[in-house]
Amino acid sequence: MDGVTKNQQKRIETRVGALFKIRMWEDRERGEIWIPLYDPTAFILVDDDYEETSTYNAGMRVLEFEALKMGQYEIAFEKRLGWKFTAENRKGFLVHVEEQD
């Protein structure tokens, strides 16, 4: 994952078939949106929601994934602005998926 080193990645532990959520702050007034980049054979994006806050223009983007197979995978997020062609920021998650019980 370009621009994000392994020690900067947040780690997530889950199991095959389990659901897990990733929350990211977005300022939609500014035109920000986080674009997820992941292996579609390892995860399914089952829900993509936005929770507005009452005190700021920003809100919380909540993405829920289902783990499909065992292994260790990366999910990268690029913060995009509508008028820019390049990512303004990148964040990464290292997801360790274990067998079902």
PDB file of N, CA and C in Angstrom:
ATOM      1  N   MET A   1       0.859  -1.163   0.000  1.00  0.00           N
ATOM      2  CA  MET A   1       0.000   0.000   0.000  1.00  0.00           C
ATOM      3  C   MET A   1       0.908   1.230   0.000  1.00  0.00           C
ATOM      4  N   ASP A   2       0.932   1.958  -1.082  1.00  0.00           N
ATOM      5  CA  ASP A   2       1.790   3.122  -1.212  1.00  0.00           C
ATOM      6  C   ASP A   2       1.374   4.224  -0.250  1.00  0.00           C
ATOM      7  N   GLY A   3       2.343   4.819   0.407  1.00  0.00           N
ATOM      8  CA  GLY A   3       2.092   5.960   1.270  1.00  0.00           C
ATOM      9  C   GLY A   3       1.716   5.630   2.697  1.00  0.00           C
ATOM     10  N   VAL A   4       1.506   4.369   3.013  1.00  0.00           N
ATOM     11  CA  VAL A   4       1.165   3.969   4.380  1.00  0.00           C
ATOM     12  C   VAL A   4       2.086   2.823   4.762  1.00  0.00           C
ATOM     13  N   THR A   5       2.900   3.032   5.800  1.00  0.00           N
ATOM     14  CA  THR A   5       3.798   1.967   6.236  1.00  0.00           C
ATOM     15  C   THR A   5       3.057   1.020   7.162  1.00  0.00           C
ATOM     16  N   LYS A   6       3.605  -0.179   7.333  1.00  0.00           N
ATOM     17  CA  LYS A   6       2.959  -1.200   8.166  1.00  0.00           C
ATOM     18  C   LYS A   6       2.715  -0.710   9.589  1.00  0.00           C
ATOM     19  N   ASN A   7       3.674   0.054  10.169  1.00  0.00           N
ATOM     20  CA  ASN A   7       3.489   0.501  11.551  1.00  0.00           C
ATOM     21  C   ASN A   7       2.464   1.634  11.667  1.00  0.00           C
ATOM     22  N   GLN A   8       2.033   2.226  10.552  1.00  0.00           N
ATOM     23  CA  GLN A   8       0.997   3.251  10.584  1.00  0.00           C
ATOM     24  C   GLN A   8      -0.398   2.648  10.427  1.00  0.00           C
ATOM     25  N   GLN A   9      -0.471   1.381  10.067  1.00  0.00           N
ATOM     26  CA  GLN A   9      -1.752   0.735   9.840  1.00  0.00           C
ATOM     27  C   GLN A   9      -2.385   0.315  11.163  1.00  0.00           C
ATOM     28  N   LYS A  10      -3.688   0.512  11.246  1.00  0.00           N
ATOM     29  CA  LYS A  10      -4.428  -0.004  12.396  1.00  0.00           C
ATOM     30  C   LYS A  10      -4.721  -1.467  12.134  1.00  0.00           C
ATOM     31  N   ARG A  11      -4.689  -2.272  13.179  1.00  0.00           N
ATOM     32  CA  ARG A  11      -4.894  -3.714  13.038  1.00  0.00           C
ATOM     33  C   ARG A  11      -6.310  -4.079  13.464  1.00  0.00           C
ATOM     34  N   ILE A  12      -6.931  -4.956  12.681  1.00  0.00           N
ATOM     35  CA  ILE A  12      -8.274  -5.457  12.967  1.00  0.00           C
ATOM     36  C   ILE A  12      -8.198  -6.974  12.992  1.00  0.00           C
ATOM     37  N   GLU A  13      -8.779  -7.586  14.029  1.00  0.00           N
ATOM     38  CA  GLU A  13      -8.859  -9.042  14.152  1.00  0.00           C
ATOM     39  C   GLU A  13     -10.310  -9.453  13.929  1.00  0.00           C
ATOM     40  N   THR A  14     -10.538 -10.447  13.069  1.00  0.00           N
ATOM     41  CA  THR A  14     -11.893 -10.913  12.805  1.00  0.00           C
ATOM     42  C   THR A  14     -11.861 -12.382  12.383  1.00  0.00           C
ATOM     43  N   ARG A  15     -13.019 -12.928  12.097  1.00  0.00           N
ATOM     44  CA  ARG A  15     -13.146 -14.327  11.674  1.00  0.00           C
ATOM     45  C   ARG A  15     -13.895 -14.391  10.339  1.00  0.00           C
ATOM     46  N   VAL A  16     -13.701 -15.480   9.612  1.00  0.00           N
ATOM     47  CA  VAL A  16     -14.424 -15.704   8.355  1.00  0.00           C
ATOM     48  C   VAL A  16     -15.922 -15.668   8.638  1.00  0.00           C
ATOM     49  N   GLY A  17     -16.656 -14.905   7.842  1.00  0.00           N
ATOM     50  CA  GLY A  17     -18.102 -14.778   8.004  1.00  0.00           C
ATOM     51  C   GLY A  17     -18.529 -13.680   8.957  1.00  0.00           C
ATOM     52  N   ALA A  18     -17.596 -13.142   9.713  1.00  0.00           N
ATOM     53  CA  ALA A  18     -17.923 -12.088  10.680  1.00  0.00           C
ATOM     54  C   ALA A  18     -17.985 -10.730  10.000  1.00  0.00           C
ATOM     55  N   LEU A  19     -18.765  -9.815  10.600  1.00  0.00           N
ATOM     56  CA  LEU A  19     -18.856  -8.442  10.134  1.00  0.00           C
ATOM     57  C   LEU A  19     -17.975  -7.564  11.016  1.00  0.00           C
ATOM     58  N   PHE A  20     -17.347  -6.563  10.407  1.00  0.00           N
ATOM     59  CA  PHE A  20     -16.587  -5.578  11.174  1.00  0.00           C
ATOM     60  C   PHE A  20     -16.771  -4.212  10.535  1.00  0.00           C
ATOM     61  N   LYS A  21     -16.649  -3.162  11.362  1.00  0.00           N
ATOM     62  CA  LYS A  21     -16.870  -1.786  10.896  1.00  0.00           C
ATOM     63  C   LYS A  21     -15.578  -0.984  10.953  1.00  0.00           C
ATOM     64  N   ILE A  22     -15.460  -0.066  10.008  1.00  0.00           N
ATOM     65  CA  ILE A  22     -14.384   0.921   9.998  1.00  0.00           C
ATOM     66  C   ILE A  22     -15.052   2.290   9.933  1.00  0.00           C
ATOM     67  N   ARG A  23     -14.652   3.174  10.851  1.00  0.00           N
ATOM     68  CA  ARG A  23     -15.219   4.527  10.918  1.00  0.00           C
ATOM     69  C   ARG A  23     -14.148   5.546  10.541  1.00  0.00           C
ATOM     70  N   MET A  24     -14.528   6.499   9.692  1.00  0.00           N
ATOM     71  CA  MET A  24     -13.598   7.534   9.226  1.00  0.00           C
ATOM     72  C   MET A  24     -14.323   8.885   9.245  1.00  0.00           C
ATOM     73  N   TRP A  25     -13.639   9.938   9.761  1.00  0.00           N
ATOM     74  CA  TRP A  25     -14.212  11.281   9.724  1.00  0.00           C
ATOM     75  C   TRP A  25     -14.190  11.798   8.295  1.00  0.00           C
ATOM     76  N   GLU A  26     -15.288  12.407   7.849  1.00  0.00           N
ATOM     77  CA  GLU A  26     -15.373  13.058   6.544  1.00  0.00           C
ATOM     78  C   GLU A  26     -16.007  14.428   6.727  1.00  0.00           C
ATOM     79  N   ASP A  27     -15.519  15.397   5.959  1.00  0.00           N
ATOM     80  CA  ASP A  27     -16.126  16.729   5.932  1.00  0.00           C
ATOM     81  C   ASP A  27     -16.765  16.895   4.558  1.00  0.00           C
ATOM     82  N   ARG A  28     -18.017  16.534   4.452  1.00  0.00           N
ATOM     83  CA  ARG A  28     -18.697  16.563   3.156  1.00  0.00           C
ATOM     84  C   ARG A  28     -18.982  17.989   2.686  1.00  0.00           C
ATOM     85  N   GLU A  29     -18.989  18.957   3.614  1.00  0.00           N
ATOM     86  CA  GLU A  29     -19.105  20.368   3.228  1.00  0.00           C
ATOM     87  C   GLU A  29     -17.938  20.752   2.325  1.00  0.00           C
ATOM     88  N   ARG A  30     -16.766  20.205   2.637  1.00  0.00           N
ATOM     89  CA  ARG A  30     -15.543  20.457   1.853  1.00  0.00           C
ATOM     90  C   ARG A  30     -15.461  19.572   0.614  1.00  0.00           C
ATOM     91  N   GLY A  31     -16.346  18.598   0.503  1.00  0.00           N
ATOM     92  CA  GLY A  31     -16.300  17.677  -0.629  1.00  0.00           C
ATOM     93  C   GLY A  31     -15.408  16.474  -0.399  1.00  0.00           C
ATOM     94  N   GLU A  32     -15.082  16.185   0.876  1.00  0.00           N
ATOM     95  CA  GLU A  32     -14.226  15.034   1.187  1.00  0.00           C
ATOM     96  C   GLU A  32     -15.006  13.733   1.079  1.00  0.00           C
ATOM     97  N   ILE A  33     -14.315  12.696   0.624  1.00  0.00           N
ATOM     98  CA  ILE A  33     -14.866  11.348   0.649  1.00  0.00           C
ATOM     99  C   ILE A  33     -13.696  10.369   0.726  1.00  0.00           C
ATOM    100  N   TRP A  34     -13.841   9.357   1.579  1.00  0.00           N
ATOM    101  CA  TRP A  34     -12.831   8.305   1.693  1.00  0.00           C
ATOM    102  C   TRP A  34     -13.200   7.181   0.725  1.00  0.00           C
ATOM    103  N   ILE A  35     -12.272   6.817  -0.134  1.00  0.00           N
ATOM    104  CA  ILE A  35     -12.470   5.747  -1.109  1.00  0.00           C
ATOM    105  C   ILE A  35     -11.761   4.493  -0.589  1.00  0.00           C
ATOM    106  N   PRO A  36     -12.504   3.390  -0.335  1.00  0.00           N
ATOM    107  CA  PRO A  36     -11.853   2.169   0.138  1.00  0.00           C
ATOM    108  C   PRO A  36     -11.248   1.376  -1.025  1.00  0.00           C
ATOM    109  N   LEU A  37     -10.050   0.853  -0.799  1.00  0.00           N
ATOM    110  CA  LEU A  37      -9.352   0.002  -1.771  1.00  0.00           C
ATOM    111  C   LEU A  37      -9.055  -1.313  -1.061  1.00  0.00           C
ATOM    112  N   TYR A  38      -9.595  -2.414  -1.577  1.00  0.00           N
ATOM    113  CA  TYR A  38      -9.443  -3.703  -0.896  1.00  0.00           C
ATOM    114  C   TYR A  38      -9.621  -4.834  -1.900  1.00  0.00           C
ATOM    115  N   ASP A  39      -9.225  -6.010  -1.498  1.00  0.00           N
ATOM    116  CA  ASP A  39      -9.355  -7.213  -2.314  1.00  0.00           C
ATOM    117  C   ASP A  39     -10.800  -7.712  -2.224  1.00  0.00           C
ATOM    118  N   PRO A  40     -11.565  -7.679  -3.329  1.00  0.00           N
ATOM    119  CA  PRO A  40     -12.966  -8.101  -3.273  1.00  0.00           C
ATOM    120  C   PRO A  40     -13.150  -9.608  -3.085  1.00  0.00           C
ATOM    121  N   THR A  41     -12.073 -10.378  -3.197  1.00  0.00           N
ATOM    122  CA  THR A  41     -12.192 -11.809  -2.902  1.00  0.00           C
ATOM    123  C   THR A  41     -12.034 -12.070  -1.408  1.00  0.00           C
ATOM    124  N   ALA A  42     -11.545 -11.081  -0.662  1.00  0.00           N
ATOM    125  CA  ALA A  42     -11.338 -11.229   0.775  1.00  0.00           C
ATOM    126  C   ALA A  42     -12.460 -10.608   1.605  1.00  0.00           C
ATOM    127  N   PHE A  43     -13.119  -9.566   1.064  1.00  0.00           N
ATOM    128  CA  PHE A  43     -14.152  -8.830   1.800  1.00  0.00           C
ATOM    129  C   PHE A  43     -15.304  -8.455   0.887  1.00  0.00           C
ATOM    130  N   ILE A  44     -16.478  -8.325   1.493  1.00  0.00           N
ATOM    131  CA  ILE A  44     -17.643  -7.731   0.827  1.00  0.00           C
ATOM    132  C   ILE A  44     -18.007  -6.489   1.638  1.00  0.00           C
ATOM    133  N   LEU A  45     -18.226  -5.369   0.958  1.00  0.00           N
ATOM    134  CA  LEU A  45     -18.739  -4.168   1.613  1.00  0.00           C
ATOM    135  C   LEU A  45     -20.251  -4.341   1.715  1.00  0.00           C
ATOM    136  N   VAL A  46     -20.750  -4.537   2.947  1.00  0.00           N
ATOM    137  CA  VAL A  46     -22.174  -4.820   3.137  1.00  0.00           C
ATOM    138  C   VAL A  46     -22.989  -3.576   3.512  1.00  0.00           C
ATOM    139  N   ASP A  47     -22.318  -2.531   4.013  1.00  0.00           N
ATOM    140  CA  ASP A  47     -23.038  -1.302   4.364  1.00  0.00           C
ATOM    141  C   ASP A  47     -22.080  -0.121   4.322  1.00  0.00           C
ATOM    142  N   ASP A  48     -22.589   1.002   3.830  1.00  0.00           N
ATOM    143  CA  ASP A  48     -21.819   2.243   3.744  1.00  0.00           C
ATOM    144  C   ASP A  48     -22.757   3.355   4.197  1.00  0.00           C
ATOM    145  N   ASP A  49     -22.524   3.883   5.400  1.00  0.00           N
ATOM    146  CA  ASP A  49     -23.430   4.852   5.995  1.00  0.00           C
ATOM    147  C   ASP A  49     -22.665   6.113   6.377  1.00  0.00           C
ATOM    148  N   TYR A  50     -23.399   7.191   6.606  1.00  0.00           N
ATOM    149  CA  TYR A  50     -22.813   8.468   7.030  1.00  0.00           C
ATOM    150  C   TYR A  50     -23.626   9.005   8.202  1.00  0.00           C
ATOM    151  N   GLU A  51     -22.938   9.256   9.318  1.00  0.00           N
ATOM    152  CA  GLU A  51     -23.590   9.786  10.517  1.00  0.00           C
ATOM    153  C   GLU A  51     -23.173  11.232  10.692  1.00  0.00           C
ATOM    154  N   GLU A  52     -24.124  12.141  10.555  1.00  0.00           N
ATOM    155  CA  GLU A  52     -23.829  13.564  10.712  1.00  0.00           C
ATOM    156  C   GLU A  52     -23.668  13.914  12.182  1.00  0.00           C
ATOM    157  N   THR A  53     -22.830  14.908  12.440  1.00  0.00           N
ATOM    158  CA  THR A  53     -22.683  15.424  13.797  1.00  0.00           C
ATOM    159  C   THR A  53     -23.386  16.774  13.867  1.00  0.00           C
ATOM    160  N   SER A  54     -23.807  17.154  15.044  1.00  0.00           N
ATOM    161  CA  SER A  54     -24.541  18.409  15.183  1.00  0.00           C
ATOM    162  C   SER A  54     -23.627  19.600  15.456  1.00  0.00           C
ATOM    163  N   THR A  55     -22.364  19.348  15.804  1.00  0.00           N
ATOM    164  CA  THR A  55     -21.492  20.457  16.183  1.00  0.00           C
ATOM    165  C   THR A  55     -20.514  20.877  15.090  1.00  0.00           C
ATOM    166  N   TYR A  56     -20.259  20.038  14.123  1.00  0.00           N
ATOM    167  CA  TYR A  56     -19.294  20.352  13.073  1.00  0.00           C
ATOM    168  C   TYR A  56     -19.895  20.029  11.711  1.00  0.00           C
ATOM    169  N   ASN A  57     -19.243  20.499  10.663  1.00  0.00           N
ATOM    170  CA  ASN A  57     -19.656  20.138   9.307  1.00  0.00           C
ATOM    171  C   ASN A  57     -19.293  18.683   9.005  1.00  0.00           C
ATOM    172  N   ALA A  58     -18.314  18.181   9.720  1.00  0.00           N
ATOM    173  CA  ALA A  58     -17.856  16.810   9.476  1.00  0.00           C
ATOM    174  C   ALA A  58     -18.806  15.801  10.101  1.00  0.00           C
ATOM    175  N   GLY A  59     -18.724  14.593   9.581  1.00  0.00           N
ATOM    176  CA  GLY A  59     -19.494  13.488  10.118  1.00  0.00           C
ATOM    177  C   GLY A  59     -18.658  12.226  10.072  1.00  0.00           C
ATOM    178  N   MET A  60     -19.268  11.133  10.443  1.00  0.00           N
ATOM    179  CA  MET A  60     -18.549   9.863  10.515  1.00  0.00           C
ATOM    180  C   MET A  60     -19.044   8.948   9.401  1.00  0.00           C
ATOM    181  N   ARG A  61     -18.128   8.530   8.547  1.00  0.00           N
ATOM    182  CA  ARG A  61     -18.423   7.522   7.517  1.00  0.00           C
ATOM    183  C   ARG A  61     -18.231   6.164   8.165  1.00  0.00           C
ATOM    184  N   VAL A  62     -19.230   5.302   8.066  1.00  0.00           N
ATOM    185  CA  VAL A  62     -19.189   3.984   8.690  1.00  0.00           C
ATOM    186  C   VAL A  62     -19.322   2.942   7.585  1.00  0.00           C
ATOM    187  N   LEU A  63     -18.267   2.166   7.391  1.00  0.00           N
ATOM    188  CA  LEU A  63     -18.272   1.106   6.385  1.00  0.00           C
ATOM    189  C   LEU A  63     -18.238  -0.236   7.098  1.00  0.00           C
ATOM    190  N   GLU A  64     -19.136  -1.131   6.721  1.00  0.00           N
ATOM    191  CA  GLU A  64     -19.199  -2.449   7.332  1.00  0.00           C
ATOM    192  C   GLU A  64     -18.832  -3.494   6.280  1.00  0.00           C
ATOM    193  N   PHE A  65     -17.878  -4.339   6.635  1.00  0.00           N
ATOM    194  CA  PHE A  65     -17.375  -5.371   5.735  1.00  0.00           C
ATOM    195  C   PHE A  65     -17.670  -6.746   6.319  1.00  0.00           C
ATOM    196  N   GLU A  66     -17.762  -7.746   5.426  1.00  0.00           N
ATOM    197  CA  GLU A  66     -17.812  -9.149   5.831  1.00  0.00           C
ATOM    198  C   GLU A  66     -16.534  -9.814   5.345  1.00  0.00           C
ATOM    199  N   ALA A  67     -15.863 -10.540   6.242  1.00  0.00           N
ATOM    200  CA  ALA A  67     -14.647 -11.272   5.885  1.00  0.00           C
ATOM    201  C   ALA A  67     -15.037 -12.570   5.183  1.00  0.00           C
ATOM    202  N   LEU A  68     -14.413 -12.837   4.038  1.00  0.00           N
ATOM    203  CA  LEU A  68     -14.774 -14.004   3.236  1.00  0.00           C
ATOM    204  C   LEU A  68     -13.819 -15.176   3.361  1.00  0.00           C
ATOM    205  N   LYS A  69     -12.533 -14.884   3.603  1.00  0.00           N
ATOM    206  CA  LYS A  69     -11.572 -15.982   3.673  1.00  0.00           C
ATOM    207  C   LYS A  69     -10.449 -15.666   4.649  1.00  0.00           C
ATOM    208  N   MET A  70      -9.832 -16.740   5.118  1.00  0.00           N
ATOM    209  CA  MET A  70      -8.772 -16.634   6.111  1.00  0.00           C
ATOM    210  C   MET A  70      -7.516 -16.009   5.492  1.00  0.00           C
ATOM    211  N   GLY A  71      -6.775 -15.263   6.305  1.00  0.00           N
ATOM    212  CA  GLY A  71      -5.527 -14.670   5.852  1.00  0.00           C
ATOM    213  C   GLY A  71      -5.337 -13.286   6.425  1.00  0.00           C
ATOM    214  N   GLN A  72      -4.333 -12.586   5.918  1.00  0.00           N
ATOM    215  CA  GLN A  72      -4.045 -11.221   6.341  1.00  0.00           C
ATOM    216  C   GLN A  72      -4.126 -10.321   5.114  1.00  0.00           C
ATOM    217  N   TYR A  73      -4.917  -9.260   5.211  1.00  0.00           N
ATOM    218  CA  TYR A  73      -5.194  -8.407   4.062  1.00  0.00           C
ATOM    219  C   TYR A  73      -5.132  -6.943   4.475  1.00  0.00           C
ATOM    220  N   GLU A  74      -4.945  -6.084   3.482  1.00  0.00           N
ATOM    221  CA  GLU A  74      -4.930  -4.646   3.713  1.00  0.00           C
ATOM    222  C   GLU A  74      -6.188  -4.016   3.137  1.00  0.00           C
ATOM    223  N   ILE A  75      -6.701  -3.048   3.861  1.00  0.00           N
ATOM    224  CA  ILE A  75      -7.744  -2.169   3.342  1.00  0.00           C
ATOM    225  C   ILE A  75      -7.162  -0.762   3.420  1.00  0.00           C
ATOM    226  N   ALA A  76      -7.055  -0.123   2.279  1.00  0.00           N
ATOM    227  CA  ALA A  76      -6.525   1.242   2.221  1.00  0.00           C
ATOM    228  C   ALA A  76      -7.686   2.200   1.950  1.00  0.00           C
ATOM    229  N   PHE A  77      -7.550   3.407   2.460  1.00  0.00           N
ATOM    230  CA  PHE A  77      -8.520   4.460   2.191  1.00  0.00           C
ATOM    231  C   PHE A  77      -7.777   5.678   1.666  1.00  0.00           C
ATOM    232  N   GLU A  78      -8.270   6.231   0.572  1.00  0.00           N
ATOM    233  CA  GLU A  78      -7.732   7.474   0.026  1.00  0.00           C
ATOM    234  C   GLU A  78      -8.775   8.565   0.220  1.00  0.00           C
ATOM    235  N   LYS A  79      -8.337   9.684   0.837  1.00  0.00           N
ATOM    236  CA  LYS A  79      -9.247  10.823   0.993  1.00  0.00           C
ATOM    237  C   LYS A  79      -9.198  11.633  -0.301  1.00  0.00           C
ATOM    238  N   ARG A  80     -10.351  11.747  -0.921  1.00  0.00           N
ATOM    239  CA  ARG A  80     -10.453  12.475  -2.186  1.00  0.00           C
ATOM    240  C   ARG A  80     -11.296  13.726  -1.993  1.00  0.00           C
ATOM    241  N   LEU A  81     -10.953  14.736  -2.761  1.00  0.00           N
ATOM    242  CA  LEU A  81     -11.744  15.956  -2.846  1.00  0.00           C
ATOM    243  C   LEU A  81     -12.258  16.039  -4.280  1.00  0.00           C
ATOM    244  N   GLY A  82     -13.494  16.473  -4.460  1.00  0.00           N
ATOM    245  CA  GLY A  82     -14.126  16.462  -5.768  1.00  0.00           C
ATOM    246  C   GLY A  82     -13.350  17.145  -6.880  1.00  0.00           C
ATOM    247  N   TRP A  83     -12.565  18.164  -6.562  1.00  0.00           N
ATOM    248  CA  TRP A  83     -11.880  18.938  -7.598  1.00  0.00           C
ATOM    249  C   TRP A  83     -10.421  18.531  -7.793  1.00  0.00           C
ATOM    250  N   LYS A  84      -9.948  17.544  -7.050  1.00  0.00           N
ATOM    251  CA  LYS A  84      -8.551  17.108  -7.155  1.00  0.00           C
ATOM    252  C   LYS A  84      -8.470  15.732  -7.812  1.00  0.00           C
ATOM    253  N   PHE A  85      -7.367  15.497  -8.526  1.00  0.00           N
ATOM    254  CA  PHE A  85      -7.163  14.208  -9.184  1.00  0.00           C
ATOM    255  C   PHE A  85      -6.323  13.244  -8.356  1.00  0.00           C
ATOM    256  N   THR A  86      -5.708  13.741  -7.303  1.00  0.00           N
ATOM    257  CA  THR A  86      -4.863  12.891  -6.466  1.00  0.00           C
ATOM    258  C   THR A  86      -5.433  12.830  -5.052  1.00  0.00           C
ATOM    259  N   ALA A  87      -5.049  11.793  -4.323  1.00  0.00           N
ATOM    260  CA  ALA A  87      -5.509  11.638  -2.943  1.00  0.00           C
ATOM    261  C   ALA A  87      -4.866  12.688  -2.051  1.00  0.00           C
ATOM    262  N   GLU A  88      -5.650  13.253  -1.143  1.00  0.00           N
ATOM    263  CA  GLU A  88      -5.138  14.234  -0.194  1.00  0.00           C
ATOM    264  C   GLU A  88      -4.496  13.556   1.012  1.00  0.00           C
ATOM    265  N   ASN A  89      -4.950  12.333   1.313  1.00  0.00           N
ATOM    266  CA  ASN A  89      -4.454  11.607   2.473  1.00  0.00           C
ATOM    267  C   ASN A  89      -4.712  10.121   2.246  1.00  0.00           C
ATOM    268  N   ARG A  90      -3.961   9.276   2.979  1.00  0.00           N
ATOM    269  CA  ARG A  90      -4.171   7.826   2.918  1.00  0.00           C
ATOM    270  C   ARG A  90      -4.131   7.258   4.333  1.00  0.00           C
ATOM    271  N   LYS A  91      -4.991   6.283   4.575  1.00  0.00           N
ATOM    272  CA  LYS A  91      -4.981   5.556   5.844  1.00  0.00           C
ATOM    273  C   LYS A  91      -5.077   4.074   5.513  1.00  0.00           C
ATOM    274  N   GLY A  92      -4.498   3.263   6.386  1.00  0.00           N
ATOM    275  CA  GLY A  92      -4.511   1.836   6.120  1.00  0.00           C
ATOM    276  C   GLY A  92      -4.917   1.013   7.325  1.00  0.00           C
ATOM    277  N   PHE A  93      -5.501  -0.135   7.041  1.00  0.00           N
ATOM    278  CA  PHE A  93      -5.903  -1.103   8.049  1.00  0.00           C
ATOM    279  C   PHE A  93      -5.360  -2.460   7.640  1.00  0.00           C
ATOM    280  N   LEU A  94      -4.785  -3.163   8.588  1.00  0.00           N
ATOM    281  CA  LEU A  94      -4.300  -4.515   8.370  1.00  0.00           C
ATOM    282  C   LEU A  94      -5.302  -5.451   9.043  1.00  0.00           C
ATOM    283  N   VAL A  95      -5.970  -6.280   8.249  1.00  0.00           N
ATOM    284  CA  VAL A  95      -7.049  -7.122   8.758  1.00  0.00           C
ATOM    285  C   VAL A  95      -6.571  -8.566   8.786  1.00  0.00           C
ATOM    286  N   HIS A  96      -6.575  -9.138   9.980  1.00  0.00           N
ATOM    287  CA  HIS A  96      -6.194 -10.537  10.169  1.00  0.00           C
ATOM    288  C   HIS A  96      -7.488 -11.333  10.344  1.00  0.00           C
ATOM    289  N   VAL A  97      -7.733 -12.259   9.398  1.00  0.00           N
ATOM    290  CA  VAL A  97      -8.964 -13.048   9.405  1.00  0.00           C
ATOM    291  C   VAL A  97      -8.631 -14.483   9.782  1.00  0.00           C
ATOM    292  N   GLU A  98      -9.260 -14.977  10.849  1.00  0.00           N
ATOM    293  CA  GLU A  98      -9.057 -16.349  11.296  1.00  0.00           C
ATOM    294  C   GLU A  98     -10.231 -17.218  10.850  1.00  0.00           C
ATOM    295  N   GLU A  99     -10.071 -18.536  10.980  1.00  0.00           N
ATOM    296  CA  GLU A  99     -11.138 -19.486  10.639  1.00  0.00           C
ATOM    297  C   GLU A  99     -12.361 -19.245  11.515  1.00  0.00           C
ATOM    298  N   GLN A 100     -13.511 -19.707  11.012  1.00  0.00           N
ATOM    299  CA  GLN A 100     -14.713 -19.676  11.831  1.00  0.00           C
ATOM    300  C   GLN A 100     -14.568 -20.647  12.985  1.00  0.00           C
ATOM    301  N   ASP A 101     -15.305 -20.409  14.059  1.00  0.00           N
ATOM    302  CA  ASP A 101     -15.308 -21.341  15.195  1.00  0.00           C
ATOM    303  C   ASP A 101     -15.996 -22.628  14.832  1.00  0.00           C
TER     304      ASP A 101
END
